C-alpha cells in the first residue's frame, strides 16, 4: 500500500533479530495508522531476520553496522516530521501515536518509562532505578524509545558517529534545547543481556561504562569493554 502523508517514522536498528523483531513489528502494525511508517535499518543480519520481516516494514535499508550509523541511515530515509528510535527487542502495548504526537506538539523530544520483561523483584528494582535516573538527569537510554522532532534531530547533526554511548550524547544535546516529555507509558524490553551476565554484574558494568565515559574514555575503548562477557 502506498504511503502518503507520514507524520511519524519509527526507526528500528537491527542485527540478527529473527526471534524478537517480527513480534515487535506485529505489535506496531496492530496500533499504527497510515500516517506512521516503519523503517528497519539492518546492519548486516546473517540469520532469517530480513526474510521474516520483508512484508512487515515500509522500508528496509542496509547500513554499516552500529546503532548510531543504522539509526542515522534510517533518519535520512524518514518521511515523517517526528522520529521514534526503537530497539528491536522492545514490546509495545499502548497507543504510541497518540502519546508521541501529543508530546511533540509541546516538546522537542522525549521518551518512555521502561519495564524489563521478567517477574523477579531484582528487575523491578533495576527498572525503577533506570526510570528515576533518567527523570533526574534528563538523559535517556536507547531502550527507552527516544522520540524527537525531525527538524530538531537534523539540526543537532544526528547521532554522533561513535560505537557506544550515542544515546547519552544525543540526550545531552537535546536537553540543552528543551525539557523532555517523559511518558508514564512503559516500553517492555528484553532482559536477555541481564540474564546472560547476571543482573548485578550488568548493573555494575553499565555504571562503570557511564563513569568511564564521563571521565573521558573513548567510545571505541568502551565498546571493547561492553562486548566482553
N, C-alpha and C. Protein backbone atom coordinates (compact mmCIF):
# COMPACT_ATOMS: atom_id res chain seq x y z
N UNK A 1 0.84 -1.20 0.00
CA UNK A 1 0.00 0.00 0.00
C UNK A 1 0.87 1.24 0.00
N UNK A 2 0.59 2.18 -0.87
CA UNK A 2 1.41 3.38 -0.97
C UNK A 2 1.22 4.27 0.26
N UNK A 3 2.33 4.78 0.76
CA UNK A 3 2.29 5.68 1.90
C UNK A 3 2.15 7.10 1.39
N UNK A 4 1.30 7.90 2.02
CA UNK A 4 1.11 9.26 1.57
C UNK A 4 1.58 10.23 2.65
N UNK A 5 0.68 10.81 3.39
CA UNK A 5 1.08 11.77 4.41
C UNK A 5 1.60 11.03 5.63
N UNK A 6 2.88 11.17 5.90
CA UNK A 6 3.51 10.48 7.02
C UNK A 6 3.83 11.49 8.12
N UNK A 7 3.36 11.22 9.32
CA UNK A 7 3.64 12.06 10.47
C UNK A 7 4.78 11.49 11.30
N UNK A 8 4.75 10.17 11.54
CA UNK A 8 5.72 9.53 12.43
C UNK A 8 6.50 8.45 11.70
N UNK A 9 7.81 8.50 11.84
CA UNK A 9 8.69 7.45 11.31
C UNK A 9 9.30 6.68 12.48
N UNK A 10 9.01 5.38 12.54
CA UNK A 10 9.58 4.50 13.56
C UNK A 10 10.83 3.87 12.97
N UNK A 11 11.97 4.09 13.61
CA UNK A 11 13.25 3.63 13.08
C UNK A 11 13.82 2.58 14.02
N UNK A 12 14.04 1.38 13.49
CA UNK A 12 14.48 0.24 14.31
C UNK A 12 15.80 -0.29 13.77
N UNK A 13 16.91 -0.07 14.47
CA UNK A 13 18.17 -0.69 14.07
C UNK A 13 18.16 -2.17 14.44
N UNK A 14 18.67 -3.00 13.56
CA UNK A 14 18.60 -4.43 13.85
C UNK A 14 19.83 -5.17 13.35
N UNK A 15 20.14 -6.25 14.01
CA UNK A 15 21.22 -7.15 13.59
C UNK A 15 20.91 -8.53 14.17
N UNK A 16 20.53 -9.45 13.29
CA UNK A 16 20.22 -10.82 13.70
C UNK A 16 19.15 -10.87 14.81
N UNK A 17 17.97 -10.35 14.47
CA UNK A 17 16.87 -10.29 15.44
C UNK A 17 15.66 -11.08 14.94
N UNK A 18 15.90 -12.29 14.40
CA UNK A 18 14.82 -13.07 13.82
C UNK A 18 13.78 -13.50 14.85
N UNK A 19 14.17 -13.58 16.10
CA UNK A 19 13.23 -14.05 17.14
C UNK A 19 12.30 -12.95 17.62
N UNK A 20 12.84 -11.75 17.89
CA UNK A 20 12.05 -10.73 18.55
C UNK A 20 11.50 -9.65 17.61
N UNK A 21 12.22 -9.31 16.56
CA UNK A 21 11.77 -8.22 15.70
C UNK A 21 10.41 -8.48 15.05
N UNK A 22 10.11 -9.69 14.53
CA UNK A 22 8.78 -9.90 13.96
C UNK A 22 7.65 -9.67 14.96
N UNK A 23 7.89 -9.99 16.22
CA UNK A 23 6.89 -9.77 17.25
C UNK A 23 6.64 -8.28 17.46
N UNK A 24 7.72 -7.51 17.51
CA UNK A 24 7.58 -6.07 17.67
C UNK A 24 6.83 -5.45 16.49
N UNK A 25 7.19 -5.85 15.28
CA UNK A 25 6.52 -5.29 14.10
C UNK A 25 5.03 -5.61 14.09
N UNK A 26 4.67 -6.79 14.55
CA UNK A 26 3.25 -7.15 14.64
C UNK A 26 2.53 -6.23 15.63
N UNK A 27 3.16 -5.96 16.77
CA UNK A 27 2.56 -5.07 17.76
C UNK A 27 2.39 -3.65 17.21
N UNK A 28 3.40 -3.18 16.50
CA UNK A 28 3.31 -1.84 15.91
C UNK A 28 2.20 -1.75 14.88
N UNK A 29 2.10 -2.76 14.02
CA UNK A 29 1.07 -2.75 12.99
C UNK A 29 -0.33 -2.80 13.59
N UNK A 30 -0.47 -3.45 14.72
CA UNK A 30 -1.79 -3.52 15.37
C UNK A 30 -2.26 -2.16 15.88
N UNK A 31 -1.33 -1.20 16.03
CA UNK A 31 -1.68 0.09 16.63
C UNK A 31 -1.39 1.28 15.72
N UNK A 32 -0.73 1.06 14.60
CA UNK A 32 -0.36 2.18 13.75
C UNK A 32 -1.46 2.55 12.77
N UNK A 33 -1.42 3.80 12.33
CA UNK A 33 -2.30 4.26 11.26
C UNK A 33 -1.48 4.40 9.98
N UNK A 34 -2.14 4.83 8.91
CA UNK A 34 -1.45 5.03 7.64
C UNK A 34 -0.48 6.20 7.69
N UNK A 35 -0.54 7.00 8.77
CA UNK A 35 0.35 8.15 8.90
C UNK A 35 1.65 7.81 9.61
N UNK A 36 1.84 6.54 9.93
CA UNK A 36 3.09 6.09 10.55
C UNK A 36 3.77 5.10 9.62
N UNK A 37 5.06 5.28 9.42
CA UNK A 37 5.86 4.34 8.64
C UNK A 37 6.86 3.63 9.56
N UNK A 38 7.20 2.41 9.19
CA UNK A 38 8.17 1.62 9.94
C UNK A 38 9.40 1.40 9.07
N UNK A 39 10.55 1.83 9.58
CA UNK A 39 11.82 1.70 8.87
C UNK A 39 12.72 0.78 9.67
N UNK A 40 13.15 -0.32 9.07
CA UNK A 40 14.13 -1.21 9.70
C UNK A 40 15.48 -0.94 9.05
N UNK A 41 16.45 -0.58 9.86
CA UNK A 41 17.80 -0.30 9.38
C UNK A 41 18.69 -1.47 9.79
N UNK A 42 19.00 -2.32 8.84
CA UNK A 42 19.74 -3.55 9.13
C UNK A 42 21.25 -3.33 9.00
N UNK A 43 21.98 -3.89 9.95
CA UNK A 43 23.43 -3.72 9.97
C UNK A 43 24.19 -4.93 9.47
N UNK A 44 23.51 -5.79 8.66
CA UNK A 44 24.19 -6.94 8.09
C UNK A 44 23.78 -8.26 8.70
N UNK A 45 22.49 -8.44 8.93
CA UNK A 45 22.00 -9.69 9.54
C UNK A 45 22.36 -10.90 8.68
N UNK A 46 22.75 -11.98 9.36
CA UNK A 46 23.10 -13.23 8.68
C UNK A 46 22.12 -14.35 9.02
N UNK A 47 21.12 -14.06 9.84
CA UNK A 47 20.09 -15.06 10.15
C UNK A 47 18.88 -14.83 9.24
N UNK A 48 17.70 -15.20 9.69
CA UNK A 48 16.49 -15.07 8.86
C UNK A 48 15.71 -13.78 9.08
N UNK A 49 16.33 -12.81 9.77
CA UNK A 49 15.61 -11.58 10.10
C UNK A 49 14.95 -10.95 8.89
N UNK A 50 15.70 -10.71 7.85
CA UNK A 50 15.18 -9.97 6.70
C UNK A 50 14.08 -10.74 5.98
N UNK A 51 14.21 -12.05 5.89
CA UNK A 51 13.17 -12.85 5.25
C UNK A 51 11.86 -12.79 6.04
N UNK A 52 11.97 -12.76 7.36
CA UNK A 52 10.78 -12.80 8.21
C UNK A 52 10.05 -11.46 8.26
N UNK A 53 10.73 -10.36 7.96
CA UNK A 53 10.09 -9.05 8.11
C UNK A 53 9.86 -8.35 6.77
N UNK A 54 10.13 -9.04 5.68
CA UNK A 54 10.12 -8.38 4.38
C UNK A 54 8.79 -7.70 4.08
N UNK A 55 7.69 -8.28 4.52
CA UNK A 55 6.37 -7.68 4.26
C UNK A 55 5.81 -6.97 5.49
N UNK A 56 6.64 -6.73 6.49
CA UNK A 56 6.17 -6.13 7.74
C UNK A 56 6.74 -4.73 7.98
N UNK A 57 7.65 -4.28 7.12
CA UNK A 57 8.23 -2.94 7.27
C UNK A 57 7.97 -2.15 6.00
N UNK A 58 7.79 -0.85 6.15
CA UNK A 58 7.57 0.01 4.98
C UNK A 58 8.86 0.25 4.22
N UNK A 59 9.96 0.31 4.95
CA UNK A 59 11.28 0.42 4.33
C UNK A 59 12.24 -0.49 5.08
N UNK A 60 13.04 -1.21 4.34
CA UNK A 60 14.17 -1.96 4.91
C UNK A 60 15.42 -1.42 4.23
N UNK A 61 16.29 -0.84 5.02
CA UNK A 61 17.50 -0.26 4.45
C UNK A 61 18.72 -0.98 5.01
N UNK A 62 19.80 -0.93 4.27
CA UNK A 62 21.03 -1.60 4.68
C UNK A 62 22.07 -0.55 5.01
N UNK A 63 22.76 -0.77 6.13
CA UNK A 63 23.67 0.23 6.66
C UNK A 63 24.93 -0.43 7.18
N UNK A 64 25.96 0.37 7.37
CA UNK A 64 27.11 -0.12 8.12
C UNK A 64 26.63 -0.49 9.53
N UNK A 65 27.22 -1.52 10.13
CA UNK A 65 26.78 -1.92 11.47
C UNK A 65 27.10 -0.87 12.52
N UNK A 66 26.31 -0.88 13.56
CA UNK A 66 26.47 0.09 14.64
C UNK A 66 25.18 0.87 14.79
N UNK A 67 24.66 0.94 16.02
CA UNK A 67 23.35 1.56 16.23
C UNK A 67 23.29 2.99 15.71
N UNK A 68 24.30 3.79 16.01
CA UNK A 68 24.27 5.19 15.58
C UNK A 68 24.20 5.27 14.06
N UNK A 69 25.06 4.52 13.38
CA UNK A 69 25.07 4.55 11.91
C UNK A 69 23.74 4.08 11.34
N UNK A 70 23.18 3.03 11.90
CA UNK A 70 21.93 2.49 11.40
C UNK A 70 20.76 3.45 11.64
N UNK A 71 20.71 4.04 12.82
CA UNK A 71 19.61 4.97 13.11
C UNK A 71 19.73 6.23 12.26
N UNK A 72 20.94 6.70 12.04
CA UNK A 72 21.13 7.86 11.16
C UNK A 72 20.71 7.54 9.73
N UNK A 73 21.04 6.35 9.27
CA UNK A 73 20.63 5.94 7.92
C UNK A 73 19.11 5.90 7.82
N UNK A 74 18.46 5.39 8.86
CA UNK A 74 17.00 5.36 8.87
C UNK A 74 16.40 6.76 8.87
N UNK A 75 17.00 7.67 9.64
CA UNK A 75 16.50 9.04 9.71
C UNK A 75 16.62 9.75 8.36
N UNK A 76 17.67 9.45 7.62
CA UNK A 76 17.86 10.07 6.31
C UNK A 76 16.74 9.67 5.34
N UNK A 77 16.19 8.47 5.53
CA UNK A 77 15.12 7.97 4.65
C UNK A 77 13.72 8.30 5.16
N UNK A 78 13.64 8.82 6.37
CA UNK A 78 12.34 9.01 7.02
C UNK A 78 11.53 10.11 6.35
N UNK A 79 10.23 9.86 6.20
CA UNK A 79 9.31 10.83 5.62
C UNK A 79 8.55 11.63 6.70
N UNK A 80 8.55 11.13 7.92
CA UNK A 80 7.77 11.77 8.97
C UNK A 80 8.44 13.00 9.54
N UNK A 81 7.62 13.88 10.14
CA UNK A 81 8.19 15.05 10.82
C UNK A 81 8.59 14.72 12.25
N UNK A 82 8.14 13.54 12.72
CA UNK A 82 8.54 13.03 14.03
C UNK A 82 9.29 11.72 13.84
N UNK A 83 10.34 11.50 14.64
CA UNK A 83 11.13 10.27 14.59
C UNK A 83 11.04 9.56 15.93
N UNK A 84 10.92 8.23 15.88
CA UNK A 84 10.91 7.41 17.10
C UNK A 84 11.92 6.30 16.90
N UNK A 85 12.96 6.30 17.73
CA UNK A 85 14.02 5.30 17.65
C UNK A 85 13.72 4.18 18.65
N UNK A 86 13.56 2.98 18.13
CA UNK A 86 13.06 1.87 18.94
C UNK A 86 13.96 0.66 18.78
N UNK A 87 14.33 0.02 19.88
CA UNK A 87 15.16 -1.17 19.82
C UNK A 87 14.34 -2.39 19.38
N UNK A 88 15.01 -3.31 18.71
CA UNK A 88 14.34 -4.47 18.13
C UNK A 88 13.79 -5.43 19.18
N UNK A 89 14.33 -5.39 20.40
CA UNK A 89 13.86 -6.31 21.45
C UNK A 89 12.83 -5.64 22.36
N UNK A 90 12.20 -4.59 21.86
CA UNK A 90 11.15 -3.90 22.63
C UNK A 90 9.80 -4.58 22.41
N UNK A 91 8.86 -4.24 23.29
CA UNK A 91 7.48 -4.70 23.16
C UNK A 91 6.57 -3.52 23.50
N UNK A 92 5.58 -3.27 22.63
CA UNK A 92 4.72 -2.09 22.77
C UNK A 92 3.28 -2.52 22.98
N UNK A 93 2.65 -2.01 24.06
CA UNK A 93 1.27 -2.40 24.36
C UNK A 93 0.39 -1.19 24.62
N UNK A 94 0.76 -0.04 24.05
CA UNK A 94 -0.02 1.17 24.25
C UNK A 94 -0.17 1.91 22.91
N UNK A 95 -1.03 2.90 22.87
CA UNK A 95 -1.29 3.66 21.65
C UNK A 95 -0.19 4.70 21.47
N UNK A 96 0.87 4.30 20.85
CA UNK A 96 2.08 5.13 20.79
C UNK A 96 1.89 6.38 19.95
N UNK A 97 1.09 6.33 18.90
CA UNK A 97 0.91 7.50 18.05
C UNK A 97 0.35 8.68 18.84
N UNK A 98 -0.67 8.42 19.63
CA UNK A 98 -1.30 9.48 20.40
C UNK A 98 -0.32 10.13 21.36
N UNK A 99 0.46 9.29 22.05
CA UNK A 99 1.40 9.81 23.05
C UNK A 99 2.48 10.65 22.38
N UNK A 100 3.10 10.12 21.34
CA UNK A 100 4.23 10.80 20.70
C UNK A 100 3.79 12.09 20.03
N UNK A 101 2.70 12.03 19.28
CA UNK A 101 2.28 13.22 18.54
C UNK A 101 1.83 14.33 19.50
N UNK A 102 1.12 13.98 20.56
CA UNK A 102 0.73 15.00 21.54
C UNK A 102 1.95 15.59 22.22
N UNK A 103 2.91 14.74 22.57
CA UNK A 103 4.11 15.21 23.26
C UNK A 103 4.92 16.16 22.38
N UNK A 104 5.09 15.81 21.11
CA UNK A 104 5.96 16.59 20.23
C UNK A 104 5.28 17.84 19.66
N UNK A 105 4.03 18.04 19.97
CA UNK A 105 3.42 19.33 19.67
C UNK A 105 3.74 20.35 20.76
N UNK A 106 4.19 19.87 21.91
CA UNK A 106 4.52 20.76 23.02
C UNK A 106 6.01 20.73 23.36
N UNK A 107 6.69 19.65 23.02
CA UNK A 107 8.10 19.47 23.37
C UNK A 107 8.91 19.14 22.13
N UNK A 108 10.23 19.27 22.25
CA UNK A 108 11.12 18.92 21.14
C UNK A 108 11.43 17.43 21.10
N UNK A 109 11.39 16.79 22.28
CA UNK A 109 11.80 15.39 22.36
C UNK A 109 11.26 14.76 23.63
N UNK A 110 11.46 13.45 23.74
CA UNK A 110 11.02 12.74 24.94
C UNK A 110 11.31 11.26 24.85
N UNK A 111 10.79 10.51 25.82
CA UNK A 111 10.96 9.07 25.85
C UNK A 111 9.92 8.44 26.78
N UNK A 112 9.96 7.12 26.88
CA UNK A 112 9.02 6.37 27.70
C UNK A 112 9.73 5.77 28.91
N UNK A 113 8.95 5.50 29.94
CA UNK A 113 9.47 4.66 31.01
C UNK A 113 9.75 3.26 30.47
N UNK A 114 10.55 2.52 31.18
CA UNK A 114 10.94 1.19 30.74
C UNK A 114 10.47 0.14 31.74
N UNK A 115 10.12 -1.03 31.22
CA UNK A 115 9.76 -2.17 32.06
C UNK A 115 10.50 -3.39 31.54
N UNK A 116 11.27 -4.03 32.39
CA UNK A 116 12.00 -5.24 31.99
C UNK A 116 11.06 -6.43 32.04
N UNK A 117 11.15 -7.29 31.03
CA UNK A 117 10.14 -8.35 30.86
C UNK A 117 10.48 -9.61 31.64
N UNK A 118 10.61 -9.44 32.95
CA UNK A 118 10.84 -10.58 33.83
C UNK A 118 10.22 -10.26 35.19
N UNK A 119 9.70 -11.29 35.88
CA UNK A 119 8.94 -11.05 37.10
C UNK A 119 9.79 -10.95 38.37
N UNK A 120 11.07 -11.29 38.31
CA UNK A 120 11.89 -11.25 39.52
C UNK A 120 11.95 -9.83 40.08
N UNK A 121 11.98 -9.73 41.41
CA UNK A 121 11.96 -8.43 42.08
C UNK A 121 13.19 -7.60 41.72
N UNK A 122 14.32 -8.24 41.44
CA UNK A 122 15.53 -7.50 41.10
C UNK A 122 15.30 -6.66 39.85
N UNK A 123 14.51 -7.16 38.91
CA UNK A 123 14.27 -6.41 37.67
C UNK A 123 13.31 -5.25 37.90
N UNK A 124 12.40 -5.38 38.90
CA UNK A 124 11.55 -4.24 39.25
C UNK A 124 12.42 -3.13 39.85
N UNK A 125 13.39 -3.52 40.65
CA UNK A 125 14.29 -2.53 41.26
C UNK A 125 15.13 -1.85 40.18
N UNK A 126 15.67 -2.66 39.26
CA UNK A 126 16.53 -2.12 38.21
C UNK A 126 15.76 -1.13 37.34
N UNK A 127 14.56 -1.50 36.91
CA UNK A 127 13.81 -0.61 36.02
C UNK A 127 13.40 0.68 36.74
N UNK A 128 13.08 0.56 38.04
CA UNK A 128 12.73 1.76 38.81
C UNK A 128 13.92 2.70 38.91
N UNK A 129 15.10 2.13 39.11
CA UNK A 129 16.31 2.95 39.18
C UNK A 129 16.60 3.62 37.84
N UNK A 130 16.42 2.88 36.75
CA UNK A 130 16.65 3.44 35.42
C UNK A 130 15.69 4.59 35.14
N UNK A 131 14.42 4.39 35.45
CA UNK A 131 13.42 5.43 35.20
C UNK A 131 13.67 6.67 36.06
N UNK A 132 14.02 6.45 37.32
CA UNK A 132 14.29 7.57 38.21
C UNK A 132 15.53 8.34 37.76
N UNK A 133 16.59 7.61 37.42
CA UNK A 133 17.82 8.26 36.97
C UNK A 133 17.56 9.14 35.75
N UNK A 134 16.79 8.62 34.81
CA UNK A 134 16.52 9.39 33.60
C UNK A 134 15.70 10.64 33.90
N UNK A 135 14.74 10.51 34.80
CA UNK A 135 13.92 11.67 35.16
C UNK A 135 14.76 12.75 35.85
N UNK A 136 15.71 12.33 36.68
CA UNK A 136 16.52 13.29 37.41
C UNK A 136 17.57 13.95 36.52
N UNK A 137 18.13 13.19 35.59
CA UNK A 137 19.24 13.70 34.78
C UNK A 137 18.81 14.22 33.42
N UNK A 138 17.59 13.87 32.99
CA UNK A 138 17.12 14.17 31.63
C UNK A 138 18.05 13.56 30.57
N UNK A 139 18.57 12.38 30.91
CA UNK A 139 19.39 11.61 29.98
C UNK A 139 18.70 10.27 29.77
N UNK A 140 18.38 9.95 28.52
CA UNK A 140 17.67 8.71 28.20
C UNK A 140 18.63 7.67 27.63
N UNK A 141 18.28 6.42 27.81
CA UNK A 141 18.99 5.34 27.13
C UNK A 141 18.17 4.88 25.94
N UNK A 142 18.83 4.25 24.98
CA UNK A 142 18.17 3.88 23.74
C UNK A 142 16.97 2.98 23.92
N UNK A 143 17.00 2.10 24.91
CA UNK A 143 15.88 1.17 25.08
C UNK A 143 14.65 1.84 25.68
N UNK A 144 14.73 3.13 26.00
CA UNK A 144 13.56 3.86 26.47
C UNK A 144 12.78 4.49 25.32
N UNK A 145 13.22 4.28 24.10
CA UNK A 145 12.46 4.73 22.94
C UNK A 145 12.42 6.23 22.77
N UNK A 146 13.55 6.83 22.51
CA UNK A 146 13.61 8.28 22.34
C UNK A 146 12.83 8.70 21.09
N UNK A 147 12.00 9.72 21.23
CA UNK A 147 11.32 10.31 20.08
C UNK A 147 11.67 11.80 20.02
N UNK A 148 11.68 12.35 18.78
CA UNK A 148 12.20 13.70 18.59
C UNK A 148 11.63 14.28 17.30
N UNK A 149 11.47 15.60 17.27
CA UNK A 149 11.09 16.25 16.04
C UNK A 149 12.23 16.12 15.03
N UNK A 150 11.91 15.79 13.80
CA UNK A 150 12.95 15.55 12.81
C UNK A 150 13.79 16.80 12.56
N UNK A 151 13.17 17.97 12.55
CA UNK A 151 13.95 19.18 12.30
C UNK A 151 14.95 19.45 13.42
N UNK A 152 14.57 19.12 14.64
CA UNK A 152 15.49 19.27 15.78
C UNK A 152 16.63 18.26 15.66
N UNK A 153 16.29 17.03 15.33
CA UNK A 153 17.29 15.97 15.20
C UNK A 153 18.32 16.30 14.13
N UNK A 154 17.86 16.73 12.98
CA UNK A 154 18.81 17.08 11.91
C UNK A 154 19.59 18.33 12.26
N UNK A 155 18.95 19.24 13.01
CA UNK A 155 19.61 20.48 13.38
C UNK A 155 20.80 20.28 14.31
N UNK A 156 20.76 19.23 15.13
CA UNK A 156 21.90 18.98 16.04
C UNK A 156 22.90 18.00 15.43
N UNK A 157 22.67 17.60 14.18
CA UNK A 157 23.67 16.78 13.49
C UNK A 157 23.52 15.29 13.65
N UNK A 158 22.30 14.81 13.93
CA UNK A 158 22.03 13.37 14.04
C UNK A 158 22.74 12.76 15.26
N UNK A 159 22.72 11.41 15.34
CA UNK A 159 23.50 10.73 16.37
C UNK A 159 24.98 10.91 16.06
N UNK A 160 25.82 11.02 17.08
CA UNK A 160 27.26 11.09 16.82
C UNK A 160 27.76 9.77 16.27
N UNK A 161 28.77 9.82 15.43
CA UNK A 161 29.32 8.61 14.80
C UNK A 161 30.30 7.94 15.75
N UNK A 162 29.75 7.34 16.81
CA UNK A 162 30.57 6.64 17.81
C UNK A 162 30.01 5.25 18.03
N UNK A 163 30.83 4.35 18.57
CA UNK A 163 30.46 2.94 18.70
C UNK A 163 29.47 2.68 19.83
N UNK A 164 29.45 3.54 20.83
CA UNK A 164 28.62 3.32 22.02
C UNK A 164 28.38 4.68 22.69
N UNK A 165 27.37 4.77 23.50
CA UNK A 165 27.01 6.00 24.21
C UNK A 165 26.42 7.07 23.31
N UNK A 166 25.99 6.69 22.12
CA UNK A 166 25.38 7.67 21.22
C UNK A 166 24.09 8.25 21.81
N UNK A 167 23.37 7.42 22.59
CA UNK A 167 22.13 7.90 23.21
C UNK A 167 22.41 8.95 24.29
N UNK A 168 23.51 8.78 25.01
CA UNK A 168 23.88 9.73 26.06
C UNK A 168 24.23 11.09 25.44
N UNK A 169 25.05 11.05 24.39
CA UNK A 169 25.47 12.28 23.73
C UNK A 169 24.27 13.00 23.13
N UNK A 170 23.38 12.23 22.48
CA UNK A 170 22.18 12.83 21.90
C UNK A 170 21.33 13.50 22.97
N UNK A 171 21.12 12.81 24.09
CA UNK A 171 20.30 13.36 25.17
C UNK A 171 20.88 14.67 25.69
N UNK A 172 22.20 14.71 25.84
CA UNK A 172 22.83 15.94 26.34
C UNK A 172 22.60 17.11 25.40
N UNK A 173 22.68 16.84 24.10
CA UNK A 173 22.42 17.91 23.13
C UNK A 173 20.96 18.36 23.17
N UNK A 174 20.06 17.38 23.25
CA UNK A 174 18.64 17.70 23.21
C UNK A 174 18.17 18.42 24.47
N UNK A 175 18.72 18.07 25.62
CA UNK A 175 18.25 18.73 26.84
C UNK A 175 18.73 20.17 26.91
N UNK A 176 19.73 20.51 26.11
CA UNK A 176 20.14 21.92 26.02
C UNK A 176 19.15 22.72 25.18
N UNK A 177 18.35 22.02 24.38
CA UNK A 177 17.36 22.68 23.55
C UNK A 177 16.05 22.86 24.29
N UNK A 178 15.67 21.85 25.05
CA UNK A 178 14.40 21.95 25.76
C UNK A 178 14.19 20.78 26.71
N UNK A 179 13.26 20.96 27.63
CA UNK A 179 12.92 19.93 28.59
C UNK A 179 12.21 18.78 27.89
N UNK A 180 12.59 17.53 28.19
CA UNK A 180 11.94 16.40 27.52
C UNK A 180 10.56 16.10 28.09
N UNK A 181 9.75 15.43 27.27
CA UNK A 181 8.50 14.85 27.75
C UNK A 181 8.79 13.39 28.11
N UNK A 182 8.46 13.02 29.32
CA UNK A 182 8.70 11.65 29.78
C UNK A 182 7.36 10.98 30.03
N UNK A 183 7.04 10.01 29.20
CA UNK A 183 5.74 9.35 29.28
C UNK A 183 5.73 8.26 30.35
N UNK A 184 4.61 8.17 31.05
CA UNK A 184 4.47 7.09 32.03
C UNK A 184 4.12 5.76 31.36
N UNK A 185 3.75 5.80 30.09
CA UNK A 185 3.57 4.54 29.36
C UNK A 185 4.90 3.80 29.32
N UNK A 186 4.85 2.49 29.39
CA UNK A 186 6.08 1.71 29.53
C UNK A 186 6.38 0.86 28.30
N UNK A 187 7.61 0.99 27.83
CA UNK A 187 8.14 0.07 26.83
C UNK A 187 8.71 -1.13 27.56
N UNK A 188 8.26 -2.31 27.19
CA UNK A 188 8.87 -3.51 27.74
C UNK A 188 10.11 -3.85 26.92
N UNK A 189 11.16 -4.24 27.60
CA UNK A 189 12.39 -4.61 26.90
C UNK A 189 12.93 -5.91 27.44
N UNK A 190 13.63 -6.63 26.60
CA UNK A 190 14.13 -7.96 26.95
C UNK A 190 15.21 -7.88 28.03
N UNK A 191 15.21 -8.88 28.90
CA UNK A 191 16.25 -8.98 29.93
C UNK A 191 17.36 -9.94 29.50
N UNK A 192 17.44 -10.25 28.21
CA UNK A 192 18.42 -11.24 27.76
C UNK A 192 19.84 -10.86 28.15
N UNK A 193 20.18 -9.58 28.05
CA UNK A 193 21.53 -9.14 28.44
C UNK A 193 21.74 -9.32 29.93
N UNK A 194 20.70 -8.99 30.72
CA UNK A 194 20.78 -9.09 32.17
C UNK A 194 20.88 -10.55 32.61
N UNK A 195 20.13 -11.43 31.93
CA UNK A 195 20.16 -12.85 32.28
C UNK A 195 21.49 -13.49 31.87
N UNK A 196 22.04 -13.04 30.77
CA UNK A 196 23.29 -13.63 30.28
C UNK A 196 24.44 -13.35 31.22
N UNK A 197 24.54 -12.11 31.71
CA UNK A 197 25.66 -11.72 32.55
C UNK A 197 25.33 -11.62 34.03
N UNK A 198 24.04 -11.74 34.36
CA UNK A 198 23.61 -11.58 35.75
C UNK A 198 23.23 -10.13 36.02
N UNK A 199 22.12 -9.89 36.74
CA UNK A 199 21.64 -8.52 36.97
C UNK A 199 22.66 -7.62 37.65
N UNK A 200 23.27 -8.09 38.74
CA UNK A 200 24.19 -7.23 39.48
C UNK A 200 25.44 -6.93 38.67
N UNK A 201 25.95 -7.94 37.99
CA UNK A 201 27.13 -7.72 37.16
C UNK A 201 26.83 -6.75 36.03
N UNK A 202 25.65 -6.86 35.44
CA UNK A 202 25.27 -5.97 34.35
C UNK A 202 25.12 -4.53 34.85
N UNK A 203 24.50 -4.36 36.03
CA UNK A 203 24.36 -3.03 36.62
C UNK A 203 25.72 -2.38 36.83
N UNK A 204 26.63 -3.13 37.45
CA UNK A 204 27.96 -2.59 37.71
C UNK A 204 28.70 -2.25 36.42
N UNK A 205 28.51 -3.10 35.42
CA UNK A 205 29.17 -2.86 34.14
C UNK A 205 28.65 -1.58 33.50
N UNK A 206 27.34 -1.38 33.48
CA UNK A 206 26.78 -0.20 32.84
C UNK A 206 27.13 1.07 33.61
N UNK A 207 27.12 0.99 34.93
CA UNK A 207 27.54 2.15 35.73
C UNK A 207 29.01 2.48 35.47
N UNK A 208 29.83 1.43 35.36
CA UNK A 208 31.25 1.65 35.08
C UNK A 208 31.46 2.31 33.72
N UNK A 209 30.71 1.85 32.73
CA UNK A 209 30.82 2.43 31.40
C UNK A 209 30.45 3.91 31.41
N UNK A 210 29.37 4.26 32.09
CA UNK A 210 28.96 5.66 32.15
C UNK A 210 30.00 6.50 32.88
N UNK A 211 30.55 5.95 33.95
CA UNK A 211 31.55 6.70 34.72
C UNK A 211 32.81 6.92 33.90
N UNK A 212 33.24 5.87 33.22
CA UNK A 212 34.43 6.00 32.37
C UNK A 212 34.20 7.00 31.25
N UNK A 213 33.00 6.98 30.68
CA UNK A 213 32.69 7.92 29.62
C UNK A 213 32.69 9.35 30.15
N UNK A 214 32.16 9.53 31.35
CA UNK A 214 32.14 10.85 31.97
C UNK A 214 33.55 11.40 32.17
N UNK A 215 34.48 10.50 32.49
CA UNK A 215 35.86 10.92 32.73
C UNK A 215 36.73 10.89 31.47
N UNK A 216 36.09 10.71 30.30
CA UNK A 216 36.80 10.91 29.06
C UNK A 216 37.25 9.68 28.31
N UNK A 217 36.84 8.49 28.74
CA UNK A 217 37.21 7.29 27.98
C UNK A 217 36.57 7.33 26.60
N UNK A 218 37.29 6.89 25.59
CA UNK A 218 36.78 6.95 24.23
C UNK A 218 35.71 5.88 24.00
N UNK A 219 34.71 6.18 23.17
CA UNK A 219 33.68 5.18 22.87
C UNK A 219 34.25 3.89 22.30
N UNK A 220 35.31 3.96 21.49
CA UNK A 220 35.89 2.74 20.93
C UNK A 220 36.45 1.83 22.02
N UNK A 221 37.08 2.42 23.02
CA UNK A 221 37.60 1.62 24.14
C UNK A 221 36.46 1.07 24.98
N UNK A 222 35.43 1.88 25.20
CA UNK A 222 34.28 1.42 25.97
C UNK A 222 33.55 0.28 25.26
N UNK A 223 33.51 0.33 23.94
CA UNK A 223 32.84 -0.74 23.18
C UNK A 223 33.54 -2.07 23.39
N UNK A 224 34.86 -2.07 23.47
CA UNK A 224 35.61 -3.31 23.73
C UNK A 224 35.21 -3.87 25.10
N UNK A 225 35.12 -3.00 26.09
CA UNK A 225 34.73 -3.41 27.44
C UNK A 225 33.28 -3.90 27.46
N UNK A 226 32.40 -3.19 26.73
CA UNK A 226 30.98 -3.54 26.68
C UNK A 226 30.77 -4.93 26.07
N UNK A 227 31.56 -5.26 25.06
CA UNK A 227 31.39 -6.53 24.35
C UNK A 227 31.98 -7.73 25.11
N UNK A 228 32.78 -7.47 26.11
CA UNK A 228 33.36 -8.57 26.88
C UNK A 228 32.30 -9.27 27.70
N UNK A 229 32.36 -10.58 27.75
CA UNK A 229 31.40 -11.38 28.53
C UNK A 229 31.98 -11.70 29.90
